[in-house]
Protein backbone atom coordinates (compact mmCIF):
# COMPACT_ATOMS: atom_id res chain seq x y z
CA LYS A 1 1.21 -19.62 -8.82
CA GLN A 2 1.59 -18.08 -5.40
CA TRP A 3 1.71 -14.32 -5.59
CA TYR A 4 2.23 -13.55 -1.97
CA ASN A 5 5.34 -13.96 0.05
CA ALA A 6 5.14 -17.22 2.00
CA GLU A 7 6.39 -15.46 5.12
CA TYR A 8 3.70 -12.78 4.84
CA GLY A 9 1.01 -15.43 4.45
CA ARG A 10 2.27 -17.38 7.45
CA ILE A 11 2.32 -14.27 9.64
CA MET A 12 -1.16 -13.16 8.58
CA ARG A 13 -2.65 -16.61 9.17
CA PHE A 14 -1.11 -16.59 12.65
CA LEU A 15 -2.49 -13.13 13.46
CA PHE A 16 -5.97 -13.88 12.15
CA GLU A 17 -6.21 -16.85 14.50
CA PHE A 18 -6.64 -14.32 17.31
CA VAL A 19 -9.66 -12.70 15.68
CA ASP A 20 -12.55 -14.65 17.10
CA ARG A 21 -15.36 -12.20 17.88
CA GLU A 22 -17.91 -11.47 15.18
CA LYS A 23 -17.67 -7.73 15.80
CA GLN A 24 -13.89 -7.85 15.27
CA LYS A 25 -14.37 -9.70 11.98
CA GLU A 26 -16.91 -7.17 10.75
CA SER A 27 -14.63 -4.31 11.69
CA LEU A 28 -11.68 -5.95 9.95
CA VAL A 29 -13.70 -6.50 6.77
CA GLU A 30 -14.64 -2.84 6.70
CA LYS A 31 -11.11 -1.61 7.46
CA LEU A 32 -9.49 -3.88 4.89
CA CYS A 33 -11.98 -2.76 2.25
CA HIS A 34 -11.16 0.87 2.98
CA ARG A 35 -7.47 0.04 2.93
CA LEU A 36 -7.94 -1.52 -0.51
CA ARG A 37 -9.27 1.82 -1.71
CA ALA A 38 -6.14 3.59 -0.46
CA THR A 39 -3.61 1.17 -1.97
CA ARG A 40 -1.77 2.14 -5.10
CA CYS A 41 0.10 -0.92 -6.32
CA ASP A 42 -0.96 -4.41 -7.22
CA SER A 43 1.14 -6.14 -4.57
CA GLN A 44 -0.78 -4.23 -1.89
CA TRP A 45 -4.07 -5.19 -3.58
CA HIS A 46 -3.01 -8.82 -3.39
CA ASP A 47 -2.03 -8.55 0.26
CA MET A 48 -5.26 -6.86 1.34
CA SER A 49 -7.48 -9.24 -0.62
CA TYR A 50 -5.52 -12.20 0.78
CA CYS A 51 -6.19 -10.92 4.30
CA LEU A 52 -9.90 -10.77 3.46
CA THR A 53 -9.79 -14.46 2.53
CA LEU A 54 -8.55 -15.36 6.02
CA ILE A 55 -11.73 -14.14 7.71
CA THR A 56 -14.55 -16.55 8.51
CA TYR A 57 -17.66 -14.86 7.15
CA ASN A 58 -21.09 -14.64 8.73
CA GLU A 59 -24.17 -12.76 7.52
CA ARG A 60 -23.14 -9.38 8.87
CA SER A 61 -19.55 -9.57 7.61
CA VAL A 62 -20.81 -10.52 4.12
CA LYS A 63 -23.14 -7.53 4.25
CA ARG A 64 -20.18 -5.32 5.22
CA LEU A 65 -18.28 -6.67 2.23
CA GLN A 66 -21.23 -5.83 0.00
CA GLU A 67 -21.69 -2.36 1.54
CA ASN A 68 -18.05 -1.54 0.82
CA PHE A 69 -18.10 -2.81 -2.76
CA ALA A 70 -17.22 0.66 -4.06
CA CYS A 71 -13.92 0.49 -2.16
CA TYR A 72 -12.57 -2.44 -4.13
CA GLN A 73 -14.54 -2.60 -7.37
CA ASP A 74 -11.76 -0.99 -9.44
CA LYS A 75 -9.26 -3.61 -8.19
CA LEU A 76 -11.29 -6.55 -9.52
CA ALA A 77 -9.65 -6.33 -12.94
CA ASP A 78 -6.55 -7.86 -11.37
CA PRO A 79 -6.79 -11.67 -11.72
CA THR A 80 -5.34 -12.38 -8.27
CA VAL A 81 -7.71 -10.01 -6.52
CA PHE A 82 -10.62 -11.54 -8.44
CA GLU A 83 -9.51 -15.05 -7.43
CA ASN A 84 -9.32 -13.99 -3.80
CA PHE A 85 -12.82 -12.53 -3.89
CA SER A 86 -14.08 -15.72 -5.56
CA LEU A 87 -12.54 -17.66 -2.69
CA ILE A 88 -14.25 -15.34 -0.21
CA LEU A 89 -17.60 -16.06 -1.88
CA GLU A 90 -16.99 -19.81 -1.68
CA LYS A 91 -16.08 -19.60 2.00
CA GLY A 92 -19.10 -17.38 2.63
CA ARG A 93 -21.45 -19.96 1.13
CA LYS A 94 -20.11 -22.57 3.54
CA THR A 95 -20.42 -20.49 6.70
CA ALA A 96 -22.94 -17.67 6.13
CA LYS A 97 -26.64 -18.28 5.71
CA CYS A 98 -27.43 -15.40 3.40
CA GLU A 99 -27.59 -16.88 -0.09
CA GLU A 100 -29.35 -13.89 -1.66
CA VAL A 101 -26.72 -11.42 -0.45
CA LEU A 102 -23.92 -13.70 -1.62
CA ALA A 103 -25.58 -14.22 -5.01
CA ASP A 104 -26.00 -10.46 -5.45
CA LEU A 105 -22.41 -9.82 -4.40
CA GLU A 106 -21.11 -12.53 -6.74
CA GLU A 107 -23.07 -11.06 -9.64
CA ARG A 108 -21.68 -7.58 -8.94
CA ILE A 109 -18.11 -8.88 -8.60
CA ARG A 110 -18.26 -10.90 -11.85
CA ALA A 111 -19.90 -8.05 -13.79
CA CYS A 112 -17.33 -5.56 -12.56
CA HIS A 113 -14.44 -7.95 -13.28
CA ASN A 114 -15.67 -8.63 -16.82
CA ARG A 115 -16.24 -4.94 -17.52
CA LEU A 116 -12.86 -3.86 -16.18
CA ASP A 117 -11.04 -6.77 -17.79
CA SER A 118 -12.44 -5.88 -21.21
CA GLN A 119 -11.43 -2.22 -20.78
CA GLU A 120 -7.83 -3.09 -19.79
CA SER A 121 -7.89 -0.63 -16.92
CA PRO A 122 -4.73 1.51 -16.63
CA LYS A 123 -4.80 1.05 -12.84
CA LYS A 124 -4.17 -2.62 -13.46
CA LYS A 125 -0.56 -1.96 -14.44
CA VAL A 126 0.34 0.52 -11.68
CA LYS A 127 3.65 -0.17 -10.01
CA ALA A 128 4.73 0.84 -6.54
CA PRO A 129 5.79 4.48 -6.40
CA PRO A 130 9.50 4.99 -5.81
CA GLN A 131 10.36 5.60 -2.20
CA PRO A 132 11.83 9.06 -1.60
CA ARG A 133 15.34 9.02 -0.23
CA ASN A 134 15.78 10.56 3.16
CA THR A 135 17.86 13.65 2.38
CA GLN A 136 18.67 16.92 4.00
CA THR A 137 20.16 20.14 2.73
CA ARG A 138 23.28 21.43 4.40
CA LYS A 139 26.00 23.92 3.65
CA SER A 140 29.34 22.57 2.65
CA ARG A 141 32.44 23.72 4.50
CA ARG A 142 34.31 24.17 1.24
CA PRO A 143 34.02 27.49 -0.63
CA LYS A 144 32.70 27.42 -4.19
CA ARG A 145 35.81 29.00 -5.62
CA GLN A 146 39.14 30.23 -4.48
CA MET A 147 39.21 33.91 -3.67
CA SER A 148 42.09 36.03 -4.80
CA SER A 149 43.93 38.17 -2.29
CA GLU A 150 42.17 41.30 -3.66
CA GLU A 151 38.73 39.79 -3.17
CA GLU A 152 39.60 38.71 0.36
CA GLY A 153 40.38 42.30 1.26
CA GLU A 154 37.04 43.51 -0.12
CA SER A 155 34.90 41.08 1.81
CA SER A 156 35.39 41.14 5.52
CA GLY A 157 33.34 38.00 6.20
CA ALA A 158 32.02 35.06 4.26
CA SER A 159 28.46 35.45 3.00
CA SER A 160 26.02 32.65 2.40
CA ASP A 161 26.71 32.94 -1.34
CA ASP A 162 30.27 31.77 -0.77
CA PHE A 163 29.14 28.26 0.11
CA GLU A 164 27.81 25.57 -2.11
CA ILE A 165 24.47 23.93 -1.20
CA LYS A 166 24.50 20.13 -1.50
CA THR A 167 21.81 17.54 -1.04
CA VAL A 168 23.36 14.67 0.86
CA PRO A 169 21.68 11.44 1.96
CA LEU A 170 20.78 11.69 5.63
CA GLU A 171 22.41 8.36 6.40
CA THR A 172 25.76 9.71 5.16
CA THR A 173 25.65 12.78 7.36
CA ARG A 174 24.68 10.74 10.43
CA ARG A 175 27.51 8.34 9.76
CA ASN A 176 29.95 11.24 9.49
CA ARG A 177 28.72 12.69 12.81
CA ARG A 178 29.33 9.39 14.56
CA ASN A 179 32.90 9.21 13.22
CA ARG A 180 33.80 12.66 14.54
């Protein structure tokens, strides 16, 4: 089962080919971990954890991953995120020479996954929040109601109460402006 969009994966693999300095890798690990903390839906969790799998780990980048454990520990209940972190640990064993740090990190990841999985965390089922529509408020050119001839004599000018306030999608108003 491939959870990520094939196009997204292809693009990320291409971009990560340009990350070759160790300092860049460490910085990316830290930034992606912090980004995982800020994400709200499971598709973003999958994307960020997938990006973490693309990094070649050394001792310092594994330590950064361990230091930022608090940023992603609540996401480990998701099976895909857990699989990605398991893959990261496997890759780390091949390239990094810090077995004790990797063993400690693996123990923490498995313990957290098992604990969260047994609790059925409510964050596990969070969906992407609906995107707000780009709207603006404007006054309509049409009056709310027809005024009788007596009322027209009483009011010399139109007040702001005489117009109806509508919320109209911004795209519609822009389109109308272009057509004028």
